[in-house]
Protein backbone atom coordinates (compact mmCIF):
# COMPACT_ATOMS: atom_id res chain seq x y z
CA ILE A 1 156.38 95.35 48.80
CA PRO A 2 155.60 93.34 45.52
CA THR A 3 151.72 92.66 45.14
CA GLY A 4 151.60 92.47 41.48
CA VAL A 5 149.71 95.59 40.77
CA VAL A 6 150.49 96.99 37.67
CA VAL A 7 149.12 100.38 36.20
CA GLN A 8 149.73 101.87 33.06
CA CYS A 9 148.60 105.26 31.56
CA GLN A 10 148.88 107.15 27.93
CA GLN A 11 146.19 109.53 28.38
CA GLU A 12 147.99 112.62 28.32
CA PRO A 13 150.99 114.01 25.46
CA SER A 14 152.89 114.52 28.45
CA GLN A 15 154.72 111.86 30.51
CA HIS A 16 154.81 113.73 33.56
CA ARG A 17 151.06 113.88 33.44
CA ASN A 18 150.85 110.18 32.78
CA LYS A 19 153.12 109.25 35.54
CA GLU A 20 151.08 111.61 38.03
CA ILE A 21 147.96 109.87 36.75
CA ALA A 22 149.30 106.09 36.99
CA PHE A 23 150.37 106.80 40.73
CA LYS A 24 147.14 107.55 41.54
CA VAL A 25 145.37 104.58 39.54
CA LEU A 26 147.65 102.29 41.57
CA LYS A 27 147.10 104.28 44.84
CA SER A 28 143.76 103.29 44.17
CA ARG A 29 144.08 99.87 43.14
CA LEU A 30 146.51 98.94 46.27
CA TYR A 31 143.96 100.99 49.20
CA GLN A 32 141.29 98.48 47.28
CA LEU A 33 143.63 95.41 47.57
CA GLU A 34 144.24 96.03 51.11
CA LYS A 35 140.18 97.18 51.47
CA LYS A 36 139.63 93.23 50.33
CA SER A 37 141.98 92.02 52.50
CA ARG A 38 140.39 93.37 56.13
CA ASP A 39 136.92 92.94 54.48
CA GLU A 40 138.09 88.91 54.21
CA LYS A 41 139.89 88.70 57.69
CA MET A 42 136.46 90.23 59.25
CA GLN A 43 134.19 88.00 57.36
CA ASN A 44 136.07 85.04 58.86
CA LEU A 45 136.05 86.70 62.43
CA HIS A 46 132.44 87.26 61.83
CA ASP A 47 131.91 83.41 60.60
CA GLY A 48 133.43 81.96 63.82
CA LYS A 49 130.72 83.66 66.01
CA ASP A 50 127.99 81.85 66.78
CA ASP A 51 124.02 82.97 66.92
CA ILE A 52 122.75 84.28 69.24
CA ALA A 53 119.36 82.19 69.04
CA TRP A 54 117.12 80.59 71.27
CA GLY A 55 119.49 77.66 73.40
CA SER A 56 122.79 79.77 72.49
CA GLN A 57 122.65 80.93 76.08
CA ILE A 58 126.39 81.03 78.31
CA ARG A 59 124.18 79.99 81.85
CA SER A 60 121.28 78.57 82.98
CA TYR A 61 119.87 79.28 86.80
CA VAL A 62 117.70 76.51 87.94
CA LEU A 63 116.03 78.13 91.15
CA HIS A 64 113.16 75.88 92.10
CA PRO A 65 112.96 72.75 92.52
CA TYR A 66 116.89 72.37 93.11
CA ARG A 67 118.93 75.26 93.29
CA MET A 68 122.00 75.23 90.56
CA VAL A 69 123.67 77.59 88.16
CA LYS A 70 125.39 76.00 85.24
CA ASP A 71 128.12 77.68 82.54
CA HIS A 72 127.72 76.07 79.25
CA ARG A 73 130.64 76.85 77.86
CA THR A 74 132.62 74.89 80.64
CA ASP A 75 130.23 72.75 82.18
CA PHE A 76 130.69 74.47 85.42
CA GLU A 77 128.33 73.93 87.86
CA MET A 78 127.06 75.61 91.07
CA GLY A 79 124.81 75.17 93.90
CA ASP A 80 125.32 78.54 95.86
CA VAL A 81 122.55 80.33 93.52
CA ASP A 82 122.62 83.47 95.30
CA ARG A 83 125.80 83.98 95.77
CA VAL A 84 125.94 83.93 92.24
CA LEU A 85 123.22 86.55 91.66
CA ASN A 86 124.36 88.81 94.14
CA GLY A 87 127.49 89.10 91.24
CA ASP A 88 129.67 86.57 92.61
CA LEU A 89 131.55 85.47 89.00
CA ASP A 90 135.04 84.62 89.89
CA PRO A 91 134.46 81.07 89.50
CA PHE A 92 132.90 81.21 85.94
CA ILE A 93 135.56 83.45 84.86
CA GLU A 94 138.11 81.36 86.43
CA GLY A 95 136.63 78.56 84.45
CA VAL A 96 136.53 80.07 81.16
CA LEU A 97 140.02 81.32 81.40
CA LEU A 98 141.06 77.96 82.50
CA SER A 99 139.41 76.18 79.87
């Protein structure tokens, strides 16, 4: 795969030794190029995430004066709070998958 990386070595009097050194330097530079590419991909994934801060919650549970659970990602609301608090999150999961 052409990468445009060029390596030259003329340190040793032996041509074979220079070739070995050049291959080691080439491997090192290709590794650095690949590592930089992967780091950029990871940074792009990280930049897409929202901050974990006050007001960035996924769901709100209102228990008084009225009873309601609201998913802020899909704007899905449910009035049966006890069912949700007992672990029935299927309507919310379906809402996220369908949005």
